[in-house]
Amino acid sequence: MSVHPILGELDPDPLDPAQVVAGEPATADLTLAESPGGETAGLWSCTPGSFTDTEVEESFVVISGRATIGYEDGTVVALRPGTVHRFAGGERTVWTVEEKLLKAYWIAG
């Protein structure tokens, strides 16, 4: 499969309304590959707004947009194009998307 990450069509993947903290963030996803072991690679986007999440084991790179991830311990990570980040899994976070975010991700199985 070949897809242009900026122009590719992502499928709506709505947040649970209980996760939304502010605004009306809308998320979308496009699965590019899945392995028999459960690993998944794809693209994910989110429009401006803020929401809570409990993370899975994931690595990603930001393609476009701006956001921050706030952790329970007060750590804040700024996301900009080119930022690479990794979650070990289980972290409770608050995402604040300032400019529509697009990331390429890999989720462990």
C-alpha atoms as a PDB file:
ATOM      1  CA  MET A   1       0.000   0.000   0.000  1.00  0.00           C
ATOM      2  CA  SER A   2       1.232   3.496  -0.798  1.00  0.00           C
ATOM      3  CA  VAL A   3      -0.346   6.650   0.610  1.00  0.00           C
ATOM      4  CA  HIS A   4       0.729  10.267   0.805  1.00  0.00           C
ATOM      5  CA  PRO A   5       0.597  11.103   4.540  1.00  0.00           C
ATOM      6  CA  ILE A   6      -0.709  14.641   4.070  1.00  0.00           C
ATOM      7  CA  LEU A   7      -3.286  13.830   1.390  1.00  0.00           C
ATOM      8  CA  GLY A   8      -4.260  10.285   2.409  1.00  0.00           C
ATOM      9  CA  GLU A   9      -7.830   9.721   3.515  1.00  0.00           C
ATOM     10  CA  LEU A  10      -8.085   8.738   7.184  1.00  0.00           C
ATOM     11  CA  ASP A  11     -11.131   7.046   8.694  1.00  0.00           C
ATOM     12  CA  PRO A  12     -12.979   8.863  11.511  1.00  0.00           C
ATOM     13  CA  ASP A  13     -12.196   7.285  14.890  1.00  0.00           C
ATOM     14  CA  PRO A  14     -14.194   9.359  17.413  1.00  0.00           C
ATOM     15  CA  LEU A  15     -13.006   9.865  20.968  1.00  0.00           C
ATOM     16  CA  ASP A  16     -15.190   8.755  23.857  1.00  0.00           C
ATOM     17  CA  PRO A  17     -16.981  12.002  24.867  1.00  0.00           C
ATOM     18  CA  ALA A  18     -15.843  11.354  28.472  1.00  0.00           C
ATOM     19  CA  GLN A  19     -12.229  11.871  27.297  1.00  0.00           C
ATOM     20  CA  VAL A  20     -12.820  15.391  25.933  1.00  0.00           C
ATOM     21  CA  VAL A  21     -11.492  18.134  28.210  1.00  0.00           C
ATOM     22  CA  ALA A  22     -11.921  21.177  25.928  1.00  0.00           C
ATOM     23  CA  GLY A  23     -13.011  22.003  22.397  1.00  0.00           C
ATOM     24  CA  GLU A  24     -14.205  19.431  19.908  1.00  0.00           C
ATOM     25  CA  PRO A  25     -11.168  17.326  18.993  1.00  0.00           C
ATOM     26  CA  ALA A  26     -11.897  14.960  16.125  1.00  0.00           C
ATOM     27  CA  THR A  27      -9.592  12.009  15.544  1.00  0.00           C
ATOM     28  CA  ALA A  28      -9.050   9.834  12.474  1.00  0.00           C
ATOM     29  CA  ASP A  29      -6.858   6.834  11.711  1.00  0.00           C
ATOM     30  CA  LEU A  30      -5.544   4.849   8.771  1.00  0.00           C
ATOM     31  CA  THR A  31      -4.019   1.432   9.440  1.00  0.00           C
ATOM     32  CA  LEU A  32      -1.151   0.821   7.012  1.00  0.00           C
ATOM     33  CA  ALA A  33       0.083  -2.554   8.285  1.00  0.00           C
ATOM     34  CA  GLU A  34      -0.812  -5.197  10.865  1.00  0.00           C
ATOM     35  CA  SER A  35       1.218  -8.233  11.852  1.00  0.00           C
ATOM     36  CA  PRO A  36      -0.039 -11.611  13.129  1.00  0.00           C
ATOM     37  CA  GLY A  37       1.593 -10.681  16.458  1.00  0.00           C
ATOM     38  CA  GLY A  38      -0.646  -7.634  16.821  1.00  0.00           C
ATOM     39  CA  GLU A  39       1.767  -4.874  15.858  1.00  0.00           C
ATOM     40  CA  THR A  40       0.080  -2.045  13.974  1.00  0.00           C
ATOM     41  CA  ALA A  41       1.501   0.824  11.930  1.00  0.00           C
ATOM     42  CA  GLY A  42      -0.517   3.694  10.588  1.00  0.00           C
ATOM     43  CA  LEU A  43      -1.404   7.358  10.467  1.00  0.00           C
ATOM     44  CA  TRP A  44      -3.442   9.250  13.070  1.00  0.00           C
ATOM     45  CA  SER A  45      -4.756  12.792  13.092  1.00  0.00           C
ATOM     46  CA  CYS A  46      -6.521  15.061  15.559  1.00  0.00           C
ATOM     47  CA  THR A  47      -8.063  18.506  15.182  1.00  0.00           C
ATOM     48  CA  PRO A  48      -7.609  21.203  17.862  1.00  0.00           C
ATOM     49  CA  GLY A  49      -8.913  20.502  21.337  1.00  0.00           C
ATOM     50  CA  SER A  50      -7.894  18.698  24.508  1.00  0.00           C
ATOM     51  CA  PHE A  51      -8.548  15.141  25.689  1.00  0.00           C
ATOM     52  CA  THR A  52      -7.348  12.525  28.160  1.00  0.00           C
ATOM     53  CA  ASP A  53      -5.877   9.161  27.209  1.00  0.00           C
ATOM     54  CA  THR A  54      -4.274   6.053  28.660  1.00  0.00           C
ATOM     55  CA  GLU A  55      -1.406   5.140  26.382  1.00  0.00           C
ATOM     56  CA  VAL A  56      -0.403   1.804  24.868  1.00  0.00           C
ATOM     57  CA  GLU A  57       3.161   0.841  23.956  1.00  0.00           C
ATOM     58  CA  GLU A  58       3.695   3.085  20.953  1.00  0.00           C
ATOM     59  CA  SER A  59       6.359   4.980  19.038  1.00  0.00           C
ATOM     60  CA  PHE A  60       5.473   7.818  16.670  1.00  0.00           C
ATOM     61  CA  VAL A  61       6.812  10.689  14.603  1.00  0.00           C
ATOM     62  CA  VAL A  62       4.895  13.926  14.063  1.00  0.00           C
ATOM     63  CA  ILE A  63       4.422  14.755  10.386  1.00  0.00           C
ATOM     64  CA  SER A  64       2.564  18.047  10.792  1.00  0.00           C
ATOM     65  CA  GLY A  65       0.802  20.186  13.377  1.00  0.00           C
ATOM     66  CA  ARG A  66       1.444  21.257  16.960  1.00  0.00           C
ATOM     67  CA  ALA A  67       0.366  19.779  20.282  1.00  0.00           C
ATOM     68  CA  THR A  68       1.505  19.026  23.817  1.00  0.00           C
ATOM     69  CA  ILE A  69       1.233  15.885  25.889  1.00  0.00           C
ATOM     70  CA  GLY A  70       0.902  16.422  29.640  1.00  0.00           C
ATOM     71  CA  TYR A  71       1.767  13.575  32.005  1.00  0.00           C
ATOM     72  CA  GLU A  72       0.397  13.029  35.525  1.00  0.00           C
ATOM     73  CA  ASP A  73       3.820  13.897  37.015  1.00  0.00           C
ATOM     74  CA  GLY A  74       3.708  17.364  35.418  1.00  0.00           C
ATOM     75  CA  THR A  75       6.032  16.592  32.502  1.00  0.00           C
ATOM     76  CA  VAL A  76       4.937  18.270  29.264  1.00  0.00           C
ATOM     77  CA  VAL A  77       6.213  17.179  25.855  1.00  0.00           C
ATOM     78  CA  ALA A  78       5.903  19.591  22.912  1.00  0.00           C
ATOM     79  CA  LEU A  79       5.048  17.947  19.611  1.00  0.00           C
ATOM     80  CA  ARG A  80       6.147  19.616  16.384  1.00  0.00           C
ATOM     81  CA  PRO A  81       6.912  18.235  12.899  1.00  0.00           C
ATOM     82  CA  GLY A  82       9.809  15.797  13.226  1.00  0.00           C
ATOM     83  CA  THR A  83       9.283  15.087  16.933  1.00  0.00           C
ATOM     84  CA  VAL A  84       9.758  11.396  17.745  1.00  0.00           C
ATOM     85  CA  HIS A  85       8.181  10.118  20.960  1.00  0.00           C
ATOM     86  CA  ARG A  86       7.647   6.771  22.701  1.00  0.00           C
ATOM     87  CA  PHE A  87       5.135   5.561  25.271  1.00  0.00           C
ATOM     88  CA  ALA A  88       6.000   2.525  27.399  1.00  0.00           C
ATOM     89  CA  GLY A  89       2.279   1.869  27.884  1.00  0.00           C
ATOM     90  CA  GLY A  90      -0.034   2.692  30.776  1.00  0.00           C
ATOM     91  CA  GLU A  91       0.794   6.412  30.988  1.00  0.00           C
ATOM     92  CA  ARG A  92      -2.180   8.663  31.686  1.00  0.00           C
ATOM     93  CA  THR A  93      -1.944  11.787  29.571  1.00  0.00           C
ATOM     94  CA  VAL A  94      -3.717  14.950  28.496  1.00  0.00           C
ATOM     95  CA  TRP A  95      -3.263  15.881  24.847  1.00  0.00           C
ATOM     96  CA  THR A  96      -3.738  19.519  23.856  1.00  0.00           C
ATOM     97  CA  VAL A  97      -3.785  19.917  20.087  1.00  0.00           C
ATOM     98  CA  GLU A  98      -3.151  23.490  18.955  1.00  0.00           C
ATOM     99  CA  GLU A  99      -2.877  22.886  15.196  1.00  0.00           C
ATOM    100  CA  LYS A 100      -4.254  19.786  13.433  1.00  0.00           C
ATOM    101  CA  LEU A 101      -1.817  17.004  14.285  1.00  0.00           C
ATOM    102  CA  LEU A 102      -0.781  14.198  11.947  1.00  0.00           C
ATOM    103  CA  LYS A 103       1.527  11.430  13.148  1.00  0.00           C
ATOM    104  CA  ALA A 104       2.830   8.126  11.825  1.00  0.00           C
ATOM    105  CA  TYR A 105       2.773   5.467  14.557  1.00  0.00           C
ATOM    106  CA  TRP A 106       3.827   1.939  15.426  1.00  0.00           C
ATOM    107  CA  ILE A 107       1.938   0.136  18.214  1.00  0.00           C
ATOM    108  CA  ALA A 108       3.387  -2.993  19.808  1.00  0.00           C
ATOM    109  CA  GLY A 109       1.256  -6.133  19.842  1.00  0.00           C
END
